[in-house]
Amino acid sequence: MYHISTMFYVYVLKSSTHHSRYIGSTQDIKKRLLEHNNGKCRYTKGRSPWKLVYKEELETRGDAMKREKFLKSGKGREFLDNLHFN
């Protein structure tokens, strides 16, 4: 018997049509990206298409939420700005 690990992700999306990015967390990045691009999310609706430009894998939902909060902070935005997404 084996244990199936469920990971959590923090992700950064960049709008292909606007100069904006979106930071979120999820267990299923592919599904979440589809939701963003299909207008199912209030903030990202109308700014699609969205492209996944960064992700981090974390072990717990709590860790993912803490990291998401950091990336939305001043220091976190500075960290992301230094990655120079294209």
C-alpha atoms as a PDB file:
ATOM      1  CA  MET A   1       0.000   0.000   0.000  1.00  0.00           C
ATOM      2  CA  TYR A   2       1.235   3.488  -0.807  1.00  0.00           C
ATOM      3  CA  HIS A   3       0.276   7.029   0.105  1.00  0.00           C
ATOM      4  CA  ILE A   4      -0.839   9.395  -2.653  1.00  0.00           C
ATOM      5  CA  SER A   5       0.536  12.829  -1.956  1.00  0.00           C
ATOM      6  CA  THR A   6      -1.701  15.811  -2.634  1.00  0.00           C
ATOM      7  CA  MET A   7       0.318  18.929  -3.195  1.00  0.00           C
ATOM      8  CA  PHE A   8      -0.799  22.526  -3.198  1.00  0.00           C
ATOM      9  CA  TYR A   9       0.434  25.203  -5.551  1.00  0.00           C
ATOM     10  CA  VAL A  10       0.892  28.940  -5.515  1.00  0.00           C
ATOM     11  CA  TYR A  11       0.787  30.309  -9.026  1.00  0.00           C
ATOM     12  CA  VAL A  12       1.226  33.552 -10.915  1.00  0.00           C
ATOM     13  CA  LEU A  13      -0.675  34.295 -14.088  1.00  0.00           C
ATOM     14  CA  LYS A  14       0.065  37.082 -16.518  1.00  0.00           C
ATOM     15  CA  SER A  15      -2.581  38.573 -18.763  1.00  0.00           C
ATOM     16  CA  SER A  16      -1.692  38.453 -22.452  1.00  0.00           C
ATOM     17  CA  THR A  17      -3.867  41.502 -23.158  1.00  0.00           C
ATOM     18  CA  HIS A  18      -3.325  43.706 -20.065  1.00  0.00           C
ATOM     19  CA  HIS A  19      -0.270  44.543 -18.017  1.00  0.00           C
ATOM     20  CA  SER A  20      -1.515  42.692 -14.977  1.00  0.00           C
ATOM     21  CA  ARG A  21      -0.818  39.541 -13.050  1.00  0.00           C
ATOM     22  CA  TYR A  22      -2.845  37.366 -10.764  1.00  0.00           C
ATOM     23  CA  ILE A  23      -1.549  35.398  -7.765  1.00  0.00           C
ATOM     24  CA  GLY A  24      -3.505  32.472  -6.366  1.00  0.00           C
ATOM     25  CA  SER A  25      -3.292  29.006  -4.845  1.00  0.00           C
ATOM     26  CA  THR A  26      -4.882  25.704  -5.782  1.00  0.00           C
ATOM     27  CA  GLN A  27      -4.519  21.931  -5.818  1.00  0.00           C
ATOM     28  CA  ASP A  28      -5.117  21.678  -9.577  1.00  0.00           C
ATOM     29  CA  ILE A  29      -3.290  24.268 -11.668  1.00  0.00           C
ATOM     30  CA  LYS A  30      -4.548  23.034 -15.060  1.00  0.00           C
ATOM     31  CA  LYS A  31      -8.180  23.204 -13.942  1.00  0.00           C
ATOM     32  CA  ARG A  32      -7.678  26.599 -12.308  1.00  0.00           C
ATOM     33  CA  LEU A  33      -6.020  28.076 -15.401  1.00  0.00           C
ATOM     34  CA  LEU A  34      -8.980  26.893 -17.500  1.00  0.00           C
ATOM     35  CA  GLU A  35     -11.360  28.562 -15.036  1.00  0.00           C
ATOM     36  CA  HIS A  36      -9.447  31.858 -15.305  1.00  0.00           C
ATOM     37  CA  ASN A  37      -9.412  31.714 -19.109  1.00  0.00           C
ATOM     38  CA  ASN A  38     -13.095  30.761 -19.329  1.00  0.00           C
ATOM     39  CA  GLY A  39     -14.245  33.775 -17.275  1.00  0.00           C
ATOM     40  CA  LYS A  40     -15.196  31.805 -14.146  1.00  0.00           C
ATOM     41  CA  CYS A  41     -13.202  34.074 -11.801  1.00  0.00           C
ATOM     42  CA  ARG A  42     -14.417  37.586 -11.073  1.00  0.00           C
ATOM     43  CA  TYR A  43     -11.029  39.320 -10.924  1.00  0.00           C
ATOM     44  CA  THR A  44      -9.565  37.703 -14.037  1.00  0.00           C
ATOM     45  CA  LYS A  45     -12.716  37.800 -16.154  1.00  0.00           C
ATOM     46  CA  GLY A  46     -12.281  40.183 -19.055  1.00  0.00           C
ATOM     47  CA  ARG A  47      -8.481  40.124 -18.947  1.00  0.00           C
ATOM     48  CA  SER A  48      -7.944  36.776 -20.657  1.00  0.00           C
ATOM     49  CA  PRO A  49      -6.089  35.020 -22.067  1.00  0.00           C
ATOM     50  CA  TRP A  50      -3.968  34.255 -19.026  1.00  0.00           C
ATOM     51  CA  LYS A  51      -0.602  32.506 -19.136  1.00  0.00           C
ATOM     52  CA  LEU A  52       0.976  30.608 -16.231  1.00  0.00           C
ATOM     53  CA  VAL A  53       4.347  32.275 -15.652  1.00  0.00           C
ATOM     54  CA  TYR A  54       5.360  30.947 -12.212  1.00  0.00           C
ATOM     55  CA  LYS A  55       4.416  28.226  -9.743  1.00  0.00           C
ATOM     56  CA  GLU A  56       5.629  26.798  -6.468  1.00  0.00           C
ATOM     57  CA  GLU A  57       4.689  23.413  -5.007  1.00  0.00           C
ATOM     58  CA  LEU A  58       3.923  23.242  -1.279  1.00  0.00           C
ATOM     59  CA  GLU A  59       2.910  20.416   1.031  1.00  0.00           C
ATOM     60  CA  THR A  60      -0.083  21.946   2.817  1.00  0.00           C
ATOM     61  CA  ARG A  61      -2.911  24.348   2.038  1.00  0.00           C
ATOM     62  CA  GLY A  62      -1.725  26.509   4.944  1.00  0.00           C
ATOM     63  CA  ASP A  63       1.779  26.773   3.479  1.00  0.00           C
ATOM     64  CA  ALA A  64       0.316  27.679   0.086  1.00  0.00           C
ATOM     65  CA  MET A  65      -1.894  30.366   1.606  1.00  0.00           C
ATOM     66  CA  LYS A  66       1.051  31.867   3.537  1.00  0.00           C
ATOM     67  CA  ARG A  67       3.173  31.934   0.398  1.00  0.00           C
ATOM     68  CA  GLU A  68       0.315  33.479  -1.608  1.00  0.00           C
ATOM     69  CA  LYS A  69      -0.039  36.197   1.034  1.00  0.00           C
ATOM     70  CA  PHE A  70       3.716  36.865   0.869  1.00  0.00           C
ATOM     71  CA  LEU A  71       3.718  37.100  -2.938  1.00  0.00           C
ATOM     72  CA  LYS A  72       0.913  39.669  -2.705  1.00  0.00           C
ATOM     73  CA  SER A  73       2.925  41.779  -0.247  1.00  0.00           C
ATOM     74  CA  GLY A  74       5.431  44.476  -1.155  1.00  0.00           C
ATOM     75  CA  LYS A  75       8.424  42.143  -0.749  1.00  0.00           C
ATOM     76  CA  GLY A  76       6.639  39.408  -2.679  1.00  0.00           C
ATOM     77  CA  ARG A  77       5.788  41.728  -5.569  1.00  0.00           C
ATOM     78  CA  GLU A  78       9.433  42.847  -5.596  1.00  0.00           C
ATOM     79  CA  PHE A  79      10.527  39.174  -5.738  1.00  0.00           C
ATOM     80  CA  LEU A  80       8.200  38.537  -8.698  1.00  0.00           C
ATOM     81  CA  ASP A  81       9.280  41.731 -10.477  1.00  0.00           C
ATOM     82  CA  ASN A  82      12.890  40.516 -10.317  1.00  0.00           C
ATOM     83  CA  LEU A  83      11.941  37.307 -12.171  1.00  0.00           C
ATOM     84  CA  HIS A  84      11.196  39.335 -15.347  1.00  0.00           C
ATOM     85  CA  PHE A  85       8.333  37.337 -16.845  1.00  0.00           C
ATOM     86  CA  ASN A  86       7.937  37.593 -20.591  1.00  0.00           C
END
